[in-house]
Each structure stands twice: as structure tokens, then as C-alpha cells.
Amino acid sequence: MTVTLKDFYADWCGPCKTQDPILDELAEEYEDVEFEKVNVDEEQDVANEYQVRSLPTLIIENDDGIVERFVGVTQAEDIEAAFQQADA
């Protein structure tokens, strides 16, 4: 099963900069998860498709669709729990 984390962010977003190191660390640890960064200013159509209204927004998907959506800075433990759920 493919698990993907989509990180919706903007360059001007302060909380997004706080989220980055958490995601960087998880990306090193979870090599089997695809990490995608989506700049909402450049990819508004994708942000609209996923109904992103606040930043940062993290969406974790698997082959069946969206498993979890986080809005705001999210801690590693919560993201890891969603990875486990998505891979189940």
C-alpha cells in the first residue's frame, strides 16, 4: 500500500517553517512514505481540490484515499500514528 503525505504550505507562512524540520526528520525515518510539498500559491488548483483553507495542512493518503488531515503545526507522534493507520 502506498502512503503519501501532502504538505500544503506557502513561503510566507511562519507556522509552515516550524513544521518543516518535523517533516524532514520523518522523511528520513519513513523512507517508504512519499512526502510531497504543495506550494498553495503556485498550485491553487491542487489546494482547492483538497479543500485546503488554512496552513500548514498535512494530508495523509493511501490507496483508498485520505486517511488523516491535520491543520496547523502537527507533532511527529500524531503524524506517525496516522502513518500506522494508513498502512494498516
N, C-alpha and C. Protein backbone atom coordinates (compact mmCIF):
# COMPACT_ATOMS: atom_id res chain seq x y z
N MET A 1 0.84 -1.18 0.00
CA MET A 1 0.00 0.00 0.00
C MET A 1 0.89 1.25 0.00
N THR A 2 0.58 2.16 -0.88
CA THR A 2 1.34 3.40 -0.96
C THR A 2 0.77 4.42 0.02
N VAL A 3 1.65 4.98 0.85
CA VAL A 3 1.25 6.03 1.79
C VAL A 3 1.93 7.32 1.37
N THR A 4 1.14 8.40 1.28
CA THR A 4 1.66 9.70 0.85
C THR A 4 1.28 10.76 1.87
N LEU A 5 2.22 11.64 2.17
CA LEU A 5 1.94 12.82 2.98
C LEU A 5 2.05 14.03 2.08
N LYS A 6 0.98 14.78 1.96
CA LYS A 6 1.00 16.02 1.19
C LYS A 6 1.09 17.17 2.19
N ASP A 7 2.12 17.99 2.04
CA ASP A 7 2.36 19.14 2.91
C ASP A 7 1.97 20.40 2.14
N PHE A 8 0.82 20.98 2.49
CA PHE A 8 0.37 22.22 1.86
C PHE A 8 0.95 23.38 2.65
N TYR A 9 1.71 24.24 1.96
CA TYR A 9 2.44 25.32 2.63
C TYR A 9 2.51 26.55 1.71
N ALA A 10 3.04 27.64 2.28
CA ALA A 10 3.36 28.83 1.50
C ALA A 10 4.67 29.39 2.06
N ASP A 11 5.44 30.04 1.19
CA ASP A 11 6.73 30.59 1.62
C ASP A 11 6.58 31.63 2.72
N TRP A 12 5.47 32.36 2.75
CA TRP A 12 5.24 33.44 3.72
C TRP A 12 4.65 32.94 5.04
N CYS A 13 4.39 31.65 5.15
CA CYS A 13 3.69 31.08 6.30
C CYS A 13 4.68 30.72 7.41
N GLY A 14 4.62 31.44 8.53
CA GLY A 14 5.51 31.18 9.67
C GLY A 14 5.34 29.79 10.25
N PRO A 15 4.11 29.36 10.57
CA PRO A 15 3.93 28.01 11.12
C PRO A 15 4.42 26.91 10.17
N CYS A 16 4.37 27.18 8.86
CA CYS A 16 4.89 26.19 7.90
C CYS A 16 6.38 25.97 8.11
N LYS A 17 7.08 27.05 8.43
CA LYS A 17 8.53 26.95 8.66
C LYS A 17 8.81 26.15 9.94
N THR A 18 7.89 26.23 10.90
CA THR A 18 8.01 25.44 12.13
C THR A 18 7.77 23.96 11.83
N GLN A 19 6.87 23.68 10.89
CA GLN A 19 6.53 22.30 10.54
C GLN A 19 7.65 21.61 9.77
N ASP A 20 8.40 22.36 8.97
CA ASP A 20 9.41 21.77 8.08
C ASP A 20 10.39 20.82 8.75
N PRO A 21 11.05 21.22 9.86
CA PRO A 21 12.03 20.29 10.46
C PRO A 21 11.40 18.99 10.95
N ILE A 22 10.16 19.06 11.40
CA ILE A 22 9.46 17.84 11.85
C ILE A 22 9.29 16.90 10.66
N LEU A 23 8.86 17.46 9.53
CA LEU A 23 8.65 16.64 8.33
C LEU A 23 9.97 16.11 7.78
N ASP A 24 11.01 16.94 7.83
CA ASP A 24 12.32 16.50 7.34
C ASP A 24 12.81 15.28 8.12
N GLU A 25 12.62 15.33 9.44
CA GLU A 25 13.05 14.21 10.29
C GLU A 25 12.23 12.95 9.98
N LEU A 26 10.93 13.12 9.81
CA LEU A 26 10.08 11.97 9.49
C LEU A 26 10.42 11.38 8.12
N ALA A 27 10.75 12.23 7.17
CA ALA A 27 11.09 11.76 5.82
C ALA A 27 12.32 10.87 5.85
N GLU A 28 13.26 11.18 6.74
CA GLU A 28 14.46 10.34 6.87
C GLU A 28 14.11 8.99 7.50
N GLU A 29 13.18 9.03 8.45
CA GLU A 29 12.83 7.81 9.19
C GLU A 29 11.88 6.91 8.40
N TYR A 30 10.97 7.50 7.66
CA TYR A 30 9.95 6.74 6.94
C TYR A 30 10.22 6.81 5.43
N GLU A 31 11.16 6.01 4.99
CA GLU A 31 11.56 6.03 3.59
C GLU A 31 10.49 5.45 2.67
N ASP A 32 9.57 4.66 3.24
CA ASP A 32 8.52 4.04 2.42
C ASP A 32 7.31 4.96 2.24
N VAL A 33 7.31 6.13 2.89
CA VAL A 33 6.23 7.11 2.73
C VAL A 33 6.69 8.17 1.73
N GLU A 34 5.80 8.51 0.79
CA GLU A 34 6.10 9.57 -0.17
C GLU A 34 5.73 10.90 0.45
N PHE A 35 6.68 11.83 0.48
CA PHE A 35 6.45 13.16 1.00
C PHE A 35 6.37 14.14 -0.17
N GLU A 36 5.25 14.85 -0.26
CA GLU A 36 5.06 15.83 -1.34
C GLU A 36 4.80 17.19 -0.72
N LYS A 37 5.52 18.20 -1.22
CA LYS A 37 5.27 19.57 -0.78
C LYS A 37 4.45 20.26 -1.85
N VAL A 38 3.37 20.93 -1.42
CA VAL A 38 2.49 21.62 -2.35
C VAL A 38 2.44 23.09 -1.94
N ASN A 39 3.04 23.94 -2.77
CA ASN A 39 3.02 25.38 -2.52
C ASN A 39 1.66 25.90 -2.99
N VAL A 40 0.83 26.35 -2.05
CA VAL A 40 -0.54 26.74 -2.38
C VAL A 40 -0.60 27.96 -3.29
N ASP A 41 0.43 28.80 -3.25
CA ASP A 41 0.45 29.97 -4.13
C ASP A 41 0.70 29.57 -5.59
N GLU A 42 1.45 28.49 -5.78
CA GLU A 42 1.78 28.04 -7.13
C GLU A 42 0.82 26.96 -7.65
N GLU A 43 0.19 26.24 -6.73
CA GLU A 43 -0.68 25.13 -7.13
C GLU A 43 -2.05 25.27 -6.48
N GLN A 44 -2.71 26.38 -6.79
CA GLN A 44 -4.01 26.66 -6.19
C GLN A 44 -5.06 25.61 -6.55
N ASP A 45 -4.95 25.05 -7.75
CA ASP A 45 -5.93 24.04 -8.16
C ASP A 45 -5.86 22.80 -7.28
N VAL A 46 -4.63 22.40 -6.92
CA VAL A 46 -4.47 21.23 -6.04
C VAL A 46 -4.99 21.56 -4.64
N ALA A 47 -4.67 22.76 -4.15
CA ALA A 47 -5.16 23.19 -2.83
C ALA A 47 -6.69 23.22 -2.80
N ASN A 48 -7.30 23.69 -3.87
CA ASN A 48 -8.76 23.72 -3.95
C ASN A 48 -9.34 22.31 -4.00
N GLU A 49 -8.69 21.44 -4.75
CA GLU A 49 -9.15 20.05 -4.86
C GLU A 49 -9.22 19.39 -3.48
N TYR A 50 -8.22 19.69 -2.63
CA TYR A 50 -8.16 19.11 -1.29
C TYR A 50 -8.83 20.00 -0.24
N GLN A 51 -9.47 21.08 -0.69
CA GLN A 51 -10.19 22.00 0.20
C GLN A 51 -9.32 22.52 1.33
N VAL A 52 -8.10 22.94 0.97
CA VAL A 52 -7.17 23.49 1.95
C VAL A 52 -7.55 24.95 2.21
N ARG A 53 -7.84 25.28 3.47
CA ARG A 53 -8.25 26.64 3.84
C ARG A 53 -7.28 27.30 4.80
N SER A 54 -6.46 26.51 5.49
CA SER A 54 -5.50 27.04 6.47
C SER A 54 -4.17 26.36 6.26
N LEU A 55 -3.11 27.03 6.70
CA LEU A 55 -1.75 26.49 6.55
C LEU A 55 -1.07 26.43 7.90
N PRO A 56 -0.18 25.45 8.07
CA PRO A 56 0.03 24.32 7.17
C PRO A 56 -1.11 23.31 7.29
N THR A 57 -1.37 22.61 6.21
CA THR A 57 -2.30 21.48 6.21
C THR A 57 -1.52 20.26 5.72
N LEU A 58 -1.61 19.19 6.47
CA LEU A 58 -0.99 17.92 6.09
C LEU A 58 -2.09 16.93 5.80
N ILE A 59 -2.01 16.27 4.66
CA ILE A 59 -2.98 15.24 4.31
C ILE A 59 -2.23 13.95 4.08
N ILE A 60 -2.66 12.91 4.79
CA ILE A 60 -2.05 11.60 4.65
C ILE A 60 -3.04 10.71 3.91
N GLU A 61 -2.56 10.13 2.81
CA GLU A 61 -3.40 9.31 1.94
C GLU A 61 -2.78 7.93 1.78
N ASN A 62 -3.64 6.97 1.46
CA ASN A 62 -3.17 5.68 0.98
C ASN A 62 -3.96 5.36 -0.28
N ASP A 63 -3.87 4.13 -0.73
CA ASP A 63 -4.53 3.75 -1.98
C ASP A 63 -6.05 3.90 -1.91
N ASP A 64 -6.59 3.91 -0.70
CA ASP A 64 -8.04 4.02 -0.53
C ASP A 64 -8.52 5.46 -0.43
N GLY A 65 -7.59 6.42 -0.31
CA GLY A 65 -7.98 7.83 -0.20
C GLY A 65 -7.38 8.48 1.04
N ILE A 66 -8.01 9.57 1.47
CA ILE A 66 -7.49 10.34 2.60
C ILE A 66 -7.72 9.58 3.90
N VAL A 67 -6.65 9.43 4.68
CA VAL A 67 -6.72 8.75 5.97
C VAL A 67 -6.82 9.77 7.10
N GLU A 68 -6.05 10.85 6.99
CA GLU A 68 -5.99 11.84 8.06
C GLU A 68 -5.67 13.20 7.49
N ARG A 69 -6.22 14.24 8.12
CA ARG A 69 -5.95 15.63 7.74
C ARG A 69 -5.58 16.38 9.02
N PHE A 70 -4.46 17.06 8.98
CA PHE A 70 -4.01 17.87 10.11
C PHE A 70 -3.95 19.33 9.66
N VAL A 71 -4.46 20.23 10.48
CA VAL A 71 -4.39 21.65 10.19
C VAL A 71 -3.62 22.31 11.33
N GLY A 72 -2.61 23.11 10.96
CA GLY A 72 -1.74 23.72 11.96
C GLY A 72 -0.50 22.86 12.16
N VAL A 73 0.42 23.37 12.97
CA VAL A 73 1.66 22.63 13.22
C VAL A 73 1.31 21.34 13.95
N THR A 74 1.78 20.23 13.40
CA THR A 74 1.45 18.90 13.92
C THR A 74 2.72 18.21 14.39
N GLN A 75 2.64 17.60 15.56
CA GLN A 75 3.80 16.93 16.14
C GLN A 75 4.04 15.58 15.47
N ALA A 76 5.29 15.13 15.53
CA ALA A 76 5.71 13.90 14.87
C ALA A 76 4.89 12.70 15.33
N GLU A 77 4.56 12.63 16.63
CA GLU A 77 3.85 11.46 17.15
C GLU A 77 2.48 11.31 16.47
N ASP A 78 1.80 12.43 16.25
CA ASP A 78 0.48 12.38 15.62
C ASP A 78 0.59 11.94 14.16
N ILE A 79 1.60 12.43 13.48
CA ILE A 79 1.81 12.05 12.08
C ILE A 79 2.17 10.57 11.99
N GLU A 80 3.02 10.10 12.90
CA GLU A 80 3.41 8.68 12.90
C GLU A 80 2.21 7.78 13.14
N ALA A 81 1.32 8.20 14.02
CA ALA A 81 0.11 7.40 14.30
C ALA A 81 -0.74 7.30 13.03
N ALA A 82 -0.81 8.40 12.28
CA ALA A 82 -1.58 8.39 11.02
C ALA A 82 -0.90 7.49 9.99
N PHE A 83 0.43 7.47 9.97
CA PHE A 83 1.15 6.57 9.06
C PHE A 83 0.77 5.12 9.36
N GLN A 84 0.73 4.77 10.64
CA GLN A 84 0.39 3.40 11.04
C GLN A 84 -1.03 3.06 10.59
N GLN A 85 -1.93 4.00 10.77
CA GLN A 85 -3.33 3.79 10.37
C GLN A 85 -3.42 3.64 8.84
N ALA A 86 -2.67 4.45 8.10
CA ALA A 86 -2.73 4.42 6.64
C ALA A 86 -2.14 3.14 6.07
N ASP A 87 -1.22 2.55 6.80
CA ASP A 87 -0.52 1.36 6.30
C ASP A 87 -1.21 0.07 6.74
N ALA A 88 -2.24 0.20 7.55
CA ALA A 88 -2.92 -0.98 8.10
C ALA A 88 -3.70 -1.73 7.04
